[in-house]
Amino acid sequence: MDMLRTTLVLPKDVLRRAKVKAALLDKTVSELVTEALEREIADVSGISEEDLAWMRLAEPAFAFWDNPDDAVYDTL
């Protein structure tokens, strides 16, 4: 799995609770956030069929940015 680094701006108490929960589950905060985000992305309730179709159509367009010239931006 390709990994990218990003920055999240979170309230202090949310990050503190995430660190505690991750430690209790013997996971990293990154693993905890990834799992939570995966669950949220998988939940399509409340999204119209038309919007889901647009999302499916748009997803391949992001592959355009996966190239050696733009790889430098993946490490910022």
PDB file of N, CA and C in Angstrom:
ATOM      1  N   MET A   1       0.852  -1.178   0.000  1.00  0.00           N
ATOM      2  CA  MET A   1       0.000   0.000   0.000  1.00  0.00           C
ATOM      3  C   MET A   1       0.892   1.232   0.000  1.00  0.00           C
ATOM      4  N   ASP A   2       0.648   2.126  -0.933  1.00  0.00           N
ATOM      5  CA  ASP A   2       1.389   3.382  -0.965  1.00  0.00           C
ATOM      6  C   ASP A   2       0.910   4.278   0.167  1.00  0.00           C
ATOM      7  N   MET A   3       1.847   4.895   0.831  1.00  0.00           N
ATOM      8  CA  MET A   3       1.504   5.765   1.950  1.00  0.00           C
ATOM      9  C   MET A   3       1.908   7.187   1.613  1.00  0.00           C
ATOM     10  N   LEU A   4       1.109   8.143   2.027  1.00  0.00           N
ATOM     11  CA  LEU A   4       1.398   9.558   1.874  1.00  0.00           C
ATOM     12  C   LEU A   4       1.331  10.219   3.238  1.00  0.00           C
ATOM     13  N   ARG A   5       2.113  11.237   3.412  1.00  0.00           N
ATOM     14  CA  ARG A   5       2.090  11.996   4.656  1.00  0.00           C
ATOM     15  C   ARG A   5       1.158  13.192   4.458  1.00  0.00           C
ATOM     16  N   THR A   6       0.383  13.503   5.487  1.00  0.00           N
ATOM     17  CA  THR A   6      -0.501  14.664   5.437  1.00  0.00           C
ATOM     18  C   THR A   6      -0.555  15.295   6.818  1.00  0.00           C
ATOM     19  N   THR A   7      -1.150  16.449   6.892  1.00  0.00           N
ATOM     20  CA  THR A   7      -1.306  17.143   8.165  1.00  0.00           C
ATOM     21  C   THR A   7      -2.788  17.291   8.460  1.00  0.00           C
ATOM     22  N   LEU A   8      -3.157  16.965   9.670  1.00  0.00           N
ATOM     23  CA  LEU A   8      -4.526  17.172  10.131  1.00  0.00           C
ATOM     24  C   LEU A   8      -4.508  18.195  11.246  1.00  0.00           C
ATOM     25  N   VAL A   9      -5.472  19.059  11.247  1.00  0.00           N
ATOM     26  CA  VAL A   9      -5.625  20.024  12.333  1.00  0.00           C
ATOM     27  C   VAL A   9      -6.789  19.528  13.187  1.00  0.00           C
ATOM     28  N   LEU A  10      -6.473  19.125  14.412  1.00  0.00           N
ATOM     29  CA  LEU A  10      -7.463  18.536  15.310  1.00  0.00           C
ATOM     30  C   LEU A  10      -7.498  19.293  16.623  1.00  0.00           C
ATOM     31  N   PRO A  11      -8.660  19.313  17.250  1.00  0.00           N
ATOM     32  CA  PRO A  11      -8.712  19.875  18.604  1.00  0.00           C
ATOM     33  C   PRO A  11      -7.831  19.044  19.541  1.00  0.00           C
ATOM     34  N   LYS A  12      -7.208  19.712  20.502  1.00  0.00           N
ATOM     35  CA  LYS A  12      -6.288  19.031  21.414  1.00  0.00           C
ATOM     36  C   LYS A  12      -6.928  17.844  22.114  1.00  0.00           C
ATOM     37  N   ASP A  13      -8.157  18.005  22.576  1.00  0.00           N
ATOM     38  CA  ASP A  13      -8.796  16.914  23.315  1.00  0.00           C
ATOM     39  C   ASP A  13      -9.090  15.719  22.415  1.00  0.00           C
ATOM     40  N   VAL A  14      -9.384  15.961  21.131  1.00  0.00           N
ATOM     41  CA  VAL A  14      -9.634  14.854  20.199  1.00  0.00           C
ATOM     42  C   VAL A  14      -8.342  14.078  19.968  1.00  0.00           C
ATOM     43  N   LEU A  15      -7.237  14.781  19.753  1.00  0.00           N
ATOM     44  CA  LEU A  15      -5.961  14.103  19.553  1.00  0.00           C
ATOM     45  C   LEU A  15      -5.544  13.342  20.807  1.00  0.00           C
ATOM     46  N   ARG A  16      -5.754  13.931  21.953  1.00  0.00           N
ATOM     47  CA  ARG A  16      -5.400  13.259  23.214  1.00  0.00           C
ATOM     48  C   ARG A  16      -6.190  11.960  23.359  1.00  0.00           C
ATOM     49  N   ARG A  17      -7.519  12.025  23.098  1.00  0.00           N
ATOM     50  CA  ARG A  17      -8.344  10.822  23.207  1.00  0.00           C
ATOM     51  C   ARG A  17      -7.972   9.791  22.149  1.00  0.00           C
ATOM     52  N   ALA A  18      -7.592  10.264  20.957  1.00  0.00           N
ATOM     53  CA  ALA A  18      -7.166   9.341  19.897  1.00  0.00           C
ATOM     54  C   ALA A  18      -5.889   8.617  20.304  1.00  0.00           C
ATOM     55  N   LYS A  19      -4.965   9.335  20.919  1.00  0.00           N
ATOM     56  CA  LYS A  19      -3.713   8.712  21.372  1.00  0.00           C
ATOM     57  C   LYS A  19      -3.989   7.651  22.431  1.00  0.00           C
ATOM     58  N   VAL A  20      -4.889   7.963  23.357  1.00  0.00           N
ATOM     59  CA  VAL A  20      -5.235   7.005  24.412  1.00  0.00           C
ATOM     60  C   VAL A  20      -5.897   5.776  23.809  1.00  0.00           C
ATOM     61  N   LYS A  21      -6.868   5.988  22.920  1.00  0.00           N
ATOM     62  CA  LYS A  21      -7.585   4.862  22.307  1.00  0.00           C
ATOM     63  C   LYS A  21      -6.629   4.015  21.480  1.00  0.00           C
ATOM     64  N   ALA A  22      -5.753   4.651  20.710  1.00  0.00           N
ATOM     65  CA  ALA A  22      -4.785   3.910  19.901  1.00  0.00           C
ATOM     66  C   ALA A  22      -3.880   3.069  20.796  1.00  0.00           C
ATOM     67  N   ALA A  23      -3.422   3.641  21.891  1.00  0.00           N
ATOM     68  CA  ALA A  23      -2.548   2.904  22.810  1.00  0.00           C
ATOM     69  C   ALA A  23      -3.278   1.706  23.408  1.00  0.00           C
ATOM     70  N   LEU A  24      -4.532   1.898  23.781  1.00  0.00           N
ATOM     71  CA  LEU A  24      -5.314   0.800  24.349  1.00  0.00           C
ATOM     72  C   LEU A  24      -5.513  -0.329  23.341  1.00  0.00           C
ATOM     73  N   LEU A  25      -5.593   0.029  22.060  1.00  0.00           N
ATOM     74  CA  LEU A  25      -5.790  -0.967  21.004  1.00  0.00           C
ATOM     75  C   LEU A  25      -4.467  -1.463  20.422  1.00  0.00           C
ATOM     76  N   ASP A  26      -3.363  -0.980  20.978  1.00  0.00           N
ATOM     77  CA  ASP A  26      -2.025  -1.327  20.493  1.00  0.00           C
ATOM     78  C   ASP A  26      -1.873  -0.985  19.001  1.00  0.00           C
ATOM     79  N   LYS A  27      -2.308   0.237  18.659  1.00  0.00           N
ATOM     80  CA  LYS A  27      -2.216   0.746  17.296  1.00  0.00           C
ATOM     81  C   LYS A  27      -1.575   2.120  17.328  1.00  0.00           C
ATOM     82  N   THR A  28      -1.191   2.599  16.157  1.00  0.00           N
ATOM     83  CA  THR A  28      -0.722   3.971  16.057  1.00  0.00           C
ATOM     84  C   THR A  28      -1.934   4.868  15.818  1.00  0.00           C
ATOM     85  N   VAL A  29      -1.745   6.156  16.044  1.00  0.00           N
ATOM     86  CA  VAL A  29      -2.824   7.108  15.745  1.00  0.00           C
ATOM     87  C   VAL A  29      -3.111   7.076  14.247  1.00  0.00           C
ATOM     88  N   SER A  30      -2.091   6.934  13.433  1.00  0.00           N
ATOM     89  CA  SER A  30      -2.296   6.846  11.981  1.00  0.00           C
ATOM     90  C   SER A  30      -3.176   5.659  11.620  1.00  0.00           C
ATOM     91  N   GLU A  31      -2.930   4.513  12.248  1.00  0.00           N
ATOM     92  CA  GLU A  31      -3.765   3.331  11.987  1.00  0.00           C
ATOM     93  C   GLU A  31      -5.200   3.572  12.418  1.00  0.00           C
ATOM     94  N   LEU A  32      -5.375   4.193  13.590  1.00  0.00           N
ATOM     95  CA  LEU A  32      -6.706   4.479  14.099  1.00  0.00           C
ATOM     96  C   LEU A  32      -7.459   5.432  13.169  1.00  0.00           C
ATOM     97  N   VAL A  33      -6.782   6.492  12.724  1.00  0.00           N
ATOM     98  CA  VAL A  33      -7.412   7.472  11.826  1.00  0.00           C
ATOM     99  C   VAL A  33      -7.712   6.831  10.475  1.00  0.00           C
ATOM    100  N   THR A  34      -6.792   6.025   9.957  1.00  0.00           N
ATOM    101  CA  THR A  34      -7.018   5.357   8.679  1.00  0.00           C
ATOM    102  C   THR A  34      -8.245   4.462   8.746  1.00  0.00           C
ATOM    103  N   GLU A  35      -8.350   3.667   9.796  1.00  0.00           N
ATOM    104  CA  GLU A  35      -9.505   2.771   9.945  1.00  0.00           C
ATOM    105  C   GLU A  35     -10.807   3.559  10.052  1.00  0.00           C
ATOM    106  N   ALA A  36     -10.797   4.637  10.823  1.00  0.00           N
ATOM    107  CA  ALA A  36     -12.000   5.453  10.973  1.00  0.00           C
ATOM    108  C   ALA A  36     -12.381   6.112   9.651  1.00  0.00           C
ATOM    109  N   LEU A  37     -11.390   6.599   8.928  1.00  0.00           N
ATOM    110  CA  LEU A  37     -11.647   7.229   7.635  1.00  0.00           C
ATOM    111  C   LEU A  37     -12.149   6.212   6.621  1.00  0.00           C
ATOM    112  N   GLU A  38     -11.588   5.011   6.626  1.00  0.00           N
ATOM    113  CA  GLU A  38     -12.067   3.950   5.732  1.00  0.00           C
ATOM    114  C   GLU A  38     -13.528   3.619   6.005  1.00  0.00           C
ATOM    115  N   ARG A  39     -13.897   3.539   7.283  1.00  0.00           N
ATOM    116  CA  ARG A  39     -15.302   3.271   7.628  1.00  0.00           C
ATOM    117  C   ARG A  39     -16.200   4.391   7.123  1.00  0.00           C
ATOM    118  N   GLU A  40     -15.769   5.632   7.304  1.00  0.00           N
ATOM    119  CA  GLU A  40     -16.571   6.787   6.884  1.00  0.00           C
ATOM    120  C   GLU A  40     -16.722   6.809   5.366  1.00  0.00           C
ATOM    121  N   ILE A  41     -15.653   6.537   4.647  1.00  0.00           N
ATOM    122  CA  ILE A  41     -15.703   6.537   3.191  1.00  0.00           C
ATOM    123  C   ILE A  41     -16.611   5.420   2.680  1.00  0.00           C
ATOM    124  N   ALA A  42     -16.578   4.274   3.335  1.00  0.00           N
ATOM    125  CA  ALA A  42     -17.390   3.131   2.910  1.00  0.00           C
ATOM    126  C   ALA A  42     -18.875   3.369   3.127  1.00  0.00           C
ATOM    127  N   ASP A  43     -19.220   4.224   4.067  1.00  0.00           N
ATOM    128  CA  ASP A  43     -20.625   4.507   4.374  1.00  0.00           C
ATOM    129  C   ASP A  43     -21.174   5.493   3.349  1.00  0.00           C
ATOM    130  N   VAL A  44     -21.978   4.992   2.431  1.00  0.00           N
ATOM    131  CA  VAL A  44     -22.528   5.843   1.377  1.00  0.00           C
ATOM    132  C   VAL A  44     -23.965   6.252   1.674  1.00  0.00           C
ATOM    133  N   SER A  45     -24.438   5.978   2.881  1.00  0.00           N
ATOM    134  CA  SER A  45     -25.804   6.374   3.217  1.00  0.00           C
ATOM    135  C   SER A  45     -25.915   7.898   3.171  1.00  0.00           C
ATOM    136  N   GLY A  46     -26.979   8.372   2.617  1.00  0.00           N
ATOM    137  CA  GLY A  46     -27.201   9.806   2.517  1.00  0.00           C
ATOM    138  C   GLY A  46     -26.600  10.426   1.264  1.00  0.00           C
ATOM    139  N   ILE A  47     -25.905   9.631   0.451  1.00  0.00           N
ATOM    140  CA  ILE A  47     -25.326  10.133  -0.789  1.00  0.00           C
ATOM    141  C   ILE A  47     -26.198   9.637  -1.935  1.00  0.00           C
ATOM    142  N   SER A  48     -26.614  10.540  -2.796  1.00  0.00           N
ATOM    143  CA  SER A  48     -27.505  10.161  -3.889  1.00  0.00           C
ATOM    144  C   SER A  48     -26.792   9.272  -4.898  1.00  0.00           C
ATOM    145  N   GLU A  49     -27.569   8.515  -5.654  1.00  0.00           N
ATOM    146  CA  GLU A  49     -27.008   7.659  -6.701  1.00  0.00           C
ATOM    147  C   GLU A  49     -26.236   8.493  -7.723  1.00  0.00           C
ATOM    148  N   GLU A  50     -26.747   9.669  -8.024  1.00  0.00           N
ATOM    149  CA  GLU A  50     -26.076  10.543  -8.988  1.00  0.00           C
ATOM    150  C   GLU A  50     -24.703  10.981  -8.463  1.00  0.00           C
ATOM    151  N   ASP A  51     -24.650  11.370  -7.188  1.00  0.00           N
ATOM    152  CA  ASP A  51     -23.376  11.773  -6.605  1.00  0.00           C
ATOM    153  C   ASP A  51     -22.392  10.601  -6.547  1.00  0.00           C
ATOM    154  N   LEU A  52     -22.901   9.395  -6.233  1.00  0.00           N
ATOM    155  CA  LEU A  52     -22.036   8.218  -6.228  1.00  0.00           C
ATOM    156  C   LEU A  52     -21.478   7.957  -7.628  1.00  0.00           C
ATOM    157  N   ALA A  53     -22.305   8.136  -8.634  1.00  0.00           N
ATOM    158  CA  ALA A  53     -21.843   7.944 -10.018  1.00  0.00           C
ATOM    159  C   ALA A  53     -20.749   8.949 -10.361  1.00  0.00           C
ATOM    160  N   TRP A  54     -20.922  10.196  -9.945  1.00  0.00           N
ATOM    161  CA  TRP A  54     -19.899  11.208 -10.200  1.00  0.00           C
ATOM    162  C   TRP A  54     -18.600  10.868  -9.478  1.00  0.00           C
ATOM    163  N   MET A  55     -18.713  10.364  -8.253  1.00  0.00           N
ATOM    164  CA  MET A  55     -17.519   9.978  -7.502  1.00  0.00           C
ATOM    165  C   MET A  55     -16.770   8.862  -8.222  1.00  0.00           C
ATOM    166  N   ARG A  56     -17.515   7.861  -8.732  1.00  0.00           N
ATOM    167  CA  ARG A  56     -16.876   6.760  -9.453  1.00  0.00           C
ATOM    168  C   ARG A  56     -16.212   7.250 -10.730  1.00  0.00           C
ATOM    169  N   LEU A  57     -16.831   8.192 -11.401  1.00  0.00           N
ATOM    170  CA  LEU A  57     -16.253   8.741 -12.627  1.00  0.00           C
ATOM    171  C   LEU A  57     -15.002   9.573 -12.344  1.00  0.00           C
ATOM    172  N   ALA A  58     -14.996  10.299 -11.247  1.00  0.00           N
ATOM    173  CA  ALA A  58     -13.898  11.212 -10.939  1.00  0.00           C
ATOM    174  C   ALA A  58     -12.662  10.497 -10.397  1.00  0.00           C
ATOM    175  N   GLU A  59     -12.848   9.362  -9.742  1.00  0.00           N
ATOM    176  CA  GLU A  59     -11.725   8.700  -9.073  1.00  0.00           C
ATOM    177  C   GLU A  59     -10.540   8.426  -9.998  1.00  0.00           C
ATOM    178  N   PRO A  60     -10.725   7.894 -11.211  1.00  0.00           N
ATOM    179  CA  PRO A  60      -9.564   7.643 -12.075  1.00  0.00           C
ATOM    180  C   PRO A  60      -8.805   8.910 -12.470  1.00  0.00           C
ATOM    181  N   ALA A  61      -9.462  10.058 -12.416  1.00  0.00           N
ATOM    182  CA  ALA A  61      -8.808  11.308 -12.798  1.00  0.00           C
ATOM    183  C   ALA A  61      -7.632  11.630 -11.871  1.00  0.00           C
ATOM    184  N   PHE A  62      -7.668  11.153 -10.653  1.00  0.00           N
ATOM    185  CA  PHE A  62      -6.589  11.437  -9.713  1.00  0.00           C
ATOM    186  C   PHE A  62      -5.323  10.669 -10.054  1.00  0.00           C
ATOM    187  N   ALA A  63      -5.428   9.616 -10.862  1.00  0.00           N
ATOM    188  CA  ALA A  63      -4.248   8.860 -11.275  1.00  0.00           C
ATOM    189  C   ALA A  63      -3.296   9.735 -12.090  1.00  0.00           C
ATOM    190  N   PHE A  64      -3.814  10.783 -12.678  1.00  0.00           N
ATOM    191  CA  PHE A  64      -2.999  11.724 -13.447  1.00  0.00           C
ATOM    192  C   PHE A  64      -1.838  12.255 -12.617  1.00  0.00           C
ATOM    193  N   TRP A  65      -2.054  12.416 -11.312  1.00  0.00           N
ATOM    194  CA  TRP A  65      -1.030  12.984 -10.441  1.00  0.00           C
ATOM    195  C   TRP A  65      -0.019  11.957  -9.977  1.00  0.00           C
ATOM    196  N   ASP A  66      -0.264  10.675 -10.238  1.00  0.00           N
ATOM    197  CA  ASP A  66       0.674   9.624  -9.843  1.00  0.00           C
ATOM    198  C   ASP A  66       1.716   9.435 -10.929  1.00  0.00           C
ATOM    199  N   ASN A  67       2.741  10.255 -10.895  1.00  0.00           N
ATOM    200  CA  ASN A  67       3.809  10.156 -11.880  1.00  0.00           C
ATOM    201  C   ASN A  67       5.118  10.614 -11.232  1.00  0.00           C
ATOM    202  N   PRO A  68       6.237  10.226 -11.804  1.00  0.00           N
ATOM    203  CA  PRO A  68       7.538  10.551 -11.189  1.00  0.00           C
ATOM    204  C   PRO A  68       7.776  12.050 -11.021  1.00  0.00           C
ATOM    205  N   ASP A  69       7.283  12.877 -11.951  1.00  0.00           N
ATOM    206  CA  ASP A  69       7.513  14.319 -11.840  1.00  0.00           C
ATOM    207  C   ASP A  69       6.802  14.931 -10.645  1.00  0.00           C
ATOM    208  N   ASP A  70       5.646  14.405 -10.295  1.00  0.00           N
ATOM    209  CA  ASP A  70       4.889  14.936  -9.176  1.00  0.00           C
ATOM    210  C   ASP A  70       5.172  14.203  -7.863  1.00  0.00           C
ATOM    211  N   ALA A  71       5.978  13.165  -7.901  1.00  0.00           N
ATOM    212  CA  ALA A  71       6.253  12.370  -6.699  1.00  0.00           C
ATOM    213  C   ALA A  71       6.897  13.203  -5.605  1.00  0.00           C
ATOM    214  N   VAL A  72       7.629  14.244  -5.981  1.00  0.00           N
ATOM    215  CA  VAL A  72       8.282  15.098  -4.985  1.00  0.00           C
ATOM    216  C   VAL A  72       7.240  15.713  -4.034  1.00  0.00           C
ATOM    217  N   TYR A  73       6.046  15.982  -4.531  1.00  0.00           N
ATOM    218  CA  TYR A  73       5.011  16.593  -3.687  1.00  0.00           C
ATOM    219  C   TYR A  73       4.447  15.601  -2.676  1.00  0.00           C
ATOM    220  N   ASP A  74       4.609  14.299  -2.917  1.00  0.00           N
ATOM    221  CA  ASP A  74       4.121  13.290  -1.980  1.00  0.00           C
ATOM    222  C   ASP A  74       4.926  13.263  -0.695  1.00  0.00           C
ATOM    223  N   THR A  75       6.128  13.841  -0.719  1.00  0.00           N
ATOM    224  CA  THR A  75       6.990  13.797   0.463  1.00  0.00           C
ATOM    225  C   THR A  75       6.982  15.083   1.265  1.00  0.00           C
ATOM    226  N   LEU A  76       6.216  16.074   0.833  1.00  0.00           N
ATOM    227  CA  LEU A  76       6.192  17.349   1.555  1.00  0.00           C
ATOM    228  C   LEU A  76       5.444  17.259   2.848  1.00  0.00           C
TER     229      LEU A  76
END
